[in-house]
Amino acid sequence: MSKSVSRPAHRGTARPFRAPNVSVVRTIAGSLSGHGKLLGRVTLASGIAAGALVAVPAANAAPPAHEPTAESATVVEAPVLEASATPTAMLTDIKQLERAVDVQQRKAEAAQKAAEAKRKAAIAAKKAAEEKKKAEAEAKAFAASQQGKIERAISVASEQIGDPYVWGATGPSSFDCSGLTQYAFSAAGIELPRVSRDQAAALPSVPNDQIQRGDLMFWGSPVYHVGIFLRWENGQAIMLHAPKPGASVREEAAWDGWFAGSIHQA
């Protein structure tokens, strides 16, 4: 007894149309492009060129009247796809780009720092010039002041340390006591009489504990010796003078019995 063979009801009938799977198309295209240029030409149905896939009818089914046959399908050429860079090459390119950007950024930062340093240097130079100008003005004013003149006289007298005492000498290489004071103060613009007695008479007397740097110290009545007061040191007055024959101009502790004459109040 023969068995009847059942056939699917749809055999011989046309397969229904299906929308194209665009992601599959893109995947295939990407795969092909990753393996270099496509060789030759590929013909695609006009439906593919338009972005849609056409369902293929069964072999024994007549194509629907509204669907174009294979013979009437328009043939188009697929574009030539350039080979894409390999991941390694892309990574190399990215690293090179990053290095280039980093170099440019470092150059920009260095230029900015240089500009800032230049600006600060200009400000510092301007400030230094202003301070120098101010210091010079103050020094000039001080030199013109009485204390400035006194300091100049002390400086000139100090330059004579070591020169011999010679009675009646007024410099420039030997001095007696009043010759030294007259020489030093005259160089600073302060005129004093020639001998110690007259110098004492020309200056106002002040208490010894009120003596100031550059004031004169006198001995005797009548006065016979003069020196320049420099400072207090351990409660002892220190003077600069030309002491006596056989000695040289020097600094030393004041002799006993002195009194002060003020150059500051002259």
Protein backbone atom coordinates (compact mmCIF):
# COMPACT_ATOMS: atom_id res chain seq x y z
CA MET A 1 0.00 0.00 0.00
CA SER A 2 1.52 3.18 -1.04
CA LYS A 3 1.75 6.08 1.33
CA SER A 4 0.74 9.47 0.25
CA VAL A 5 3.35 12.11 0.72
CA SER A 6 2.13 15.36 2.11
CA ARG A 7 3.65 18.47 0.79
CA PRO A 8 3.82 21.81 2.53
CA ALA A 9 0.96 23.96 1.57
CA HIS A 10 3.24 26.78 0.56
CA ARG A 11 5.44 24.77 -1.89
CA GLY A 12 5.17 26.23 -5.31
CA THR A 13 3.88 29.53 -4.02
CA ALA A 14 5.91 32.77 -4.00
CA ARG A 15 7.75 33.63 -0.80
CA PRO A 16 6.52 36.76 0.84
CA PHE A 17 8.54 39.98 0.56
CA ARG A 18 10.77 40.83 3.60
CA ALA A 19 12.34 44.08 4.59
CA PRO A 20 16.15 44.12 4.15
CA ASN A 21 18.38 43.57 7.12
CA VAL A 22 20.45 46.78 6.88
CA SER A 23 22.82 45.79 9.67
CA VAL A 24 23.78 42.65 7.78
CA VAL A 25 24.53 44.72 4.69
CA ARG A 26 26.72 47.08 6.68
CA THR A 27 28.54 44.21 8.38
CA ILE A 28 29.33 42.58 5.03
CA ALA A 29 30.51 45.88 3.56
CA GLY A 30 32.73 46.52 6.58
CA SER A 31 34.18 43.02 6.36
CA LEU A 32 34.98 43.43 2.69
CA SER A 33 36.50 46.88 3.16
CA GLY A 34 38.72 45.57 5.98
CA HIS A 35 40.39 43.14 3.59
CA GLY A 36 41.54 45.70 1.06
CA LYS A 37 40.04 47.03 -2.12
CA LEU A 38 37.35 44.96 -3.77
CA LEU A 39 38.64 43.45 -6.99
CA GLY A 40 36.42 43.66 -10.05
CA ARG A 41 32.93 44.99 -10.09
CA VAL A 42 29.87 43.86 -8.22
CA THR A 43 26.43 44.18 -9.69
CA LEU A 44 23.62 44.95 -7.35
CA ALA A 45 19.95 45.08 -8.01
CA SER A 46 18.47 48.51 -8.23
CA GLY A 47 16.61 47.74 -5.02
CA ILE A 48 19.91 47.28 -3.14
CA ALA A 49 21.24 50.50 -4.68
CA ALA A 50 18.15 52.20 -3.36
CA GLY A 51 18.76 50.77 0.12
CA ALA A 52 16.35 47.76 0.06
CA LEU A 53 16.73 43.99 -0.50
CA VAL A 54 14.34 42.23 -2.95
CA ALA A 55 12.96 38.82 -1.94
CA VAL A 56 13.80 36.07 -4.41
CA PRO A 57 10.75 33.97 -5.50
CA ALA A 58 10.75 30.22 -5.40
CA ALA A 59 12.18 28.40 -8.45
CA ASN A 60 8.84 27.07 -9.62
CA ALA A 61 6.79 30.13 -8.84
CA ALA A 62 5.97 32.87 -11.24
CA PRO A 63 7.11 36.26 -10.13
CA PRO A 64 4.38 38.64 -9.04
CA ALA A 65 3.21 40.97 -11.68
CA HIS A 66 4.22 44.06 -9.71
CA GLU A 67 7.82 42.88 -9.09
CA PRO A 68 10.56 43.27 -11.70
CA THR A 69 12.18 40.12 -13.01
CA ALA A 70 15.90 39.41 -12.80
CA GLU A 71 16.29 40.25 -16.47
CA SER A 72 14.69 43.67 -16.07
CA ALA A 73 16.62 44.56 -12.88
CA THR A 74 18.76 47.63 -13.23
CA VAL A 75 22.47 46.87 -12.73
CA VAL A 76 24.61 49.39 -10.84
CA GLU A 77 28.23 49.33 -9.87
CA ALA A 78 29.23 49.21 -6.20
CA PRO A 79 31.67 51.93 -5.15
CA VAL A 80 35.29 50.96 -4.73
CA LEU A 81 35.91 50.72 -0.99
CA GLU A 82 39.24 51.92 0.31
CA ALA A 83 41.07 49.70 2.78
CA SER A 84 40.64 50.79 6.39
CA ALA A 85 43.68 51.16 8.66
CA THR A 86 44.42 48.25 10.92
CA PRO A 87 43.80 48.76 14.67
CA THR A 88 47.56 48.79 15.28
CA ALA A 89 48.10 51.52 12.68
CA MET A 90 45.19 53.53 14.07
CA LEU A 91 46.61 53.25 17.57
CA THR A 92 50.00 54.41 16.30
CA ASP A 93 48.40 57.39 14.58
CA ILE A 94 46.49 58.31 17.74
CA LYS A 95 49.64 58.14 19.83
CA GLN A 96 51.50 60.30 17.33
CA LEU A 97 48.67 62.82 17.39
CA GLU A 98 48.66 62.83 21.19
CA ARG A 99 52.41 63.42 21.22
CA ALA A 100 52.06 66.28 18.75
CA VAL A 101 49.31 67.85 20.84
CA ASP A 102 51.41 67.42 23.98
CA VAL A 103 54.40 69.07 22.30
CA GLN A 104 52.29 72.00 21.18
CA GLN A 105 50.77 72.33 24.64
CA ARG A 106 54.20 72.28 26.26
CA LYS A 107 55.43 74.91 23.82
CA ALA A 108 52.42 77.08 24.59
CA GLU A 109 52.97 76.67 28.34
CA ALA A 110 56.68 77.45 27.95
CA ALA A 111 55.88 80.56 25.92
CA GLN A 112 53.35 81.65 28.55
CA LYS A 113 55.88 81.11 31.35
CA ALA A 114 58.53 83.01 29.41
CA ALA A 115 56.15 85.90 28.85
CA GLU A 116 55.22 85.92 32.54
CA ALA A 117 58.90 85.80 33.55
CA LYS A 118 59.65 88.66 31.17
CA ARG A 119 56.78 90.68 32.62
CA LYS A 120 57.97 90.06 36.18
CA ALA A 121 61.54 90.90 35.20
CA ALA A 122 60.36 94.19 33.70
CA ILE A 123 58.42 95.00 36.87
CA ALA A 124 61.44 94.09 39.02
CA ALA A 125 63.75 96.19 36.83
CA LYS A 126 61.41 99.14 37.06
CA LYS A 127 61.14 98.74 40.81
CA ALA A 128 64.92 98.44 41.15
CA ALA A 129 65.40 101.58 39.05
CA GLU A 130 62.90 103.45 41.20
CA GLU A 131 64.56 102.25 44.39
CA LYS A 132 67.98 103.19 43.05
CA LYS A 133 66.74 106.63 42.10
CA LYS A 134 65.18 107.03 45.53
CA ALA A 135 68.35 105.84 47.28
CA GLU A 136 70.45 108.22 45.24
CA ALA A 137 68.13 111.09 46.10
CA GLU A 138 68.23 110.15 49.79
CA ALA A 139 72.01 109.82 49.69
CA LYS A 140 72.29 113.20 48.03
CA ALA A 141 69.98 114.75 50.60
CA PHE A 142 71.88 113.09 53.41
CA ALA A 143 75.23 114.24 52.01
CA ALA A 144 73.86 117.77 51.98
CA SER A 145 72.62 117.44 55.56
CA GLN A 146 74.71 118.21 58.60
CA GLN A 147 74.95 114.55 59.62
CA GLY A 148 75.93 113.61 56.07
CA LYS A 149 78.72 116.17 56.16
CA ILE A 150 79.85 114.89 59.54
CA GLU A 151 79.98 111.30 58.25
CA ARG A 152 82.03 112.50 55.32
CA ALA A 153 84.45 114.24 57.72
CA ILE A 154 84.81 111.05 59.77
CA SER A 155 85.47 109.07 56.60
CA VAL A 156 88.18 111.50 55.49
CA ALA A 157 89.79 111.47 58.96
CA SER A 158 89.72 107.63 58.98
CA GLU A 159 91.58 107.58 55.69
CA GLN A 160 94.48 109.29 57.48
CA ILE A 161 94.96 106.55 60.05
CA GLY A 162 98.64 105.70 60.17
CA ASP A 163 99.81 109.17 59.07
CA PRO A 164 102.38 110.61 61.52
CA TYR A 165 101.77 113.36 64.03
CA VAL A 166 103.76 116.48 63.15
CA TRP A 167 103.25 119.63 65.15
CA GLY A 168 101.70 122.38 62.98
CA ALA A 169 100.96 119.99 60.08
CA THR A 170 97.59 120.21 58.34
CA GLY A 171 97.93 117.35 55.83
CA PRO A 172 97.65 115.73 53.51
CA SER A 173 100.23 113.17 54.75
CA SER A 174 100.94 114.38 58.31
CA PHE A 175 98.89 116.19 60.94
CA ASP A 176 98.75 117.65 64.39
CA CYS A 177 95.52 117.24 66.39
CA SER A 178 93.69 120.36 65.18
CA GLY A 179 95.22 120.07 61.71
CA LEU A 180 93.49 116.66 61.35
CA THR A 181 90.06 117.94 62.46
CA GLN A 182 90.28 121.05 60.29
CA TYR A 183 91.39 118.99 57.24
CA ALA A 184 88.64 116.37 57.62
CA PHE A 185 85.76 118.76 58.23
CA SER A 186 86.85 121.16 55.54
CA ALA A 187 86.72 118.27 53.03
CA ALA A 188 83.07 117.77 54.09
CA GLY A 189 82.12 121.42 53.77
CA ILE A 190 82.33 122.37 57.45
CA GLU A 191 84.88 125.04 58.19
CA LEU A 192 86.72 125.06 61.55
CA PRO A 193 89.35 127.42 62.93
CA ARG A 194 92.95 126.29 62.72
CA VAL A 195 93.86 125.52 66.36
CA SER A 196 92.05 123.43 68.98
CA ARG A 197 91.46 126.38 71.37
CA ASP A 198 89.66 128.36 68.65
CA GLN A 199 87.72 125.29 67.54
CA ALA A 200 86.40 124.80 71.08
CA ALA A 201 85.41 128.44 71.25
CA ALA A 202 83.54 128.20 67.94
CA LEU A 203 81.35 125.26 69.02
CA PRO A 204 78.58 125.12 71.64
CA SER A 205 79.42 122.89 74.61
CA VAL A 206 77.08 119.98 75.47
CA PRO A 207 77.03 117.52 78.38
CA ASN A 208 79.41 114.64 77.75
CA ASP A 209 76.62 112.05 77.88
CA GLN A 210 74.83 113.90 75.04
CA ILE A 211 77.78 113.82 72.66
CA GLN A 212 76.99 112.49 69.18
CA ARG A 213 79.04 110.76 66.54
CA GLY A 214 81.28 113.37 64.86
CA ASP A 215 81.23 115.89 67.71
CA LEU A 216 84.61 117.09 68.95
CA MET A 217 86.26 116.23 72.24
CA PHE A 218 88.51 118.81 73.91
CA TRP A 219 91.07 118.75 76.75
CA GLY A 220 92.41 121.44 79.00
CA SER A 221 91.68 124.97 80.01
CA PRO A 222 92.97 126.60 77.99
CA VAL A 223 92.32 123.86 75.44
CA TYR A 224 95.41 122.05 74.13
CA HIS A 225 94.06 118.95 72.35
CA VAL A 226 91.12 117.86 70.16
CA GLY A 227 89.78 114.59 68.79
CA ILE A 228 86.67 113.29 66.96
CA PHE A 229 84.13 111.26 68.92
CA LEU A 230 83.16 107.99 67.17
CA ARG A 231 81.10 105.82 69.54
CA TRP A 232 80.55 104.41 72.98
CA GLU A 233 82.12 101.02 73.59
CA ASN A 234 81.54 99.22 76.90
CA GLY A 235 80.83 102.56 78.52
CA GLN A 236 84.05 104.07 77.16
CA ALA A 237 84.18 106.89 74.61
CA ILE A 238 86.19 106.01 71.50
CA MET A 239 87.87 108.81 69.56
CA LEU A 240 89.87 109.33 66.37
CA HIS A 241 92.81 111.78 66.67
CA ALA A 242 96.44 112.63 66.03
CA PRO A 243 97.82 111.99 69.54
CA LYS A 244 101.31 113.47 69.96
CA PRO A 245 104.81 113.59 68.45
CA GLY A 246 106.13 110.11 67.69
CA ALA A 247 102.60 108.66 67.28
CA SER A 248 100.29 108.28 64.28
CA VAL A 249 96.64 109.07 63.58
CA ARG A 250 94.57 106.34 65.25
CA GLU A 251 91.41 105.26 67.07
CA GLU A 252 91.60 104.74 70.82
CA ALA A 253 89.76 105.20 74.11
CA ALA A 254 89.34 108.83 75.12
CA TRP A 255 91.71 110.27 77.67
CA ASP A 256 90.28 111.40 80.96
CA GLY A 257 89.09 114.97 81.50
CA TRP A 258 87.45 115.70 78.13
CA PHE A 259 84.43 117.86 77.38
CA ALA A 260 82.21 117.91 74.32
CA GLY A 261 81.74 120.54 71.62
CA SER A 262 78.80 119.96 69.29
CA ILE A 263 79.33 120.01 65.54
CA HIS A 264 75.63 119.16 65.15
CA GLN A 265 74.58 122.43 66.77
CA ALA A 266 77.21 124.59 65.10
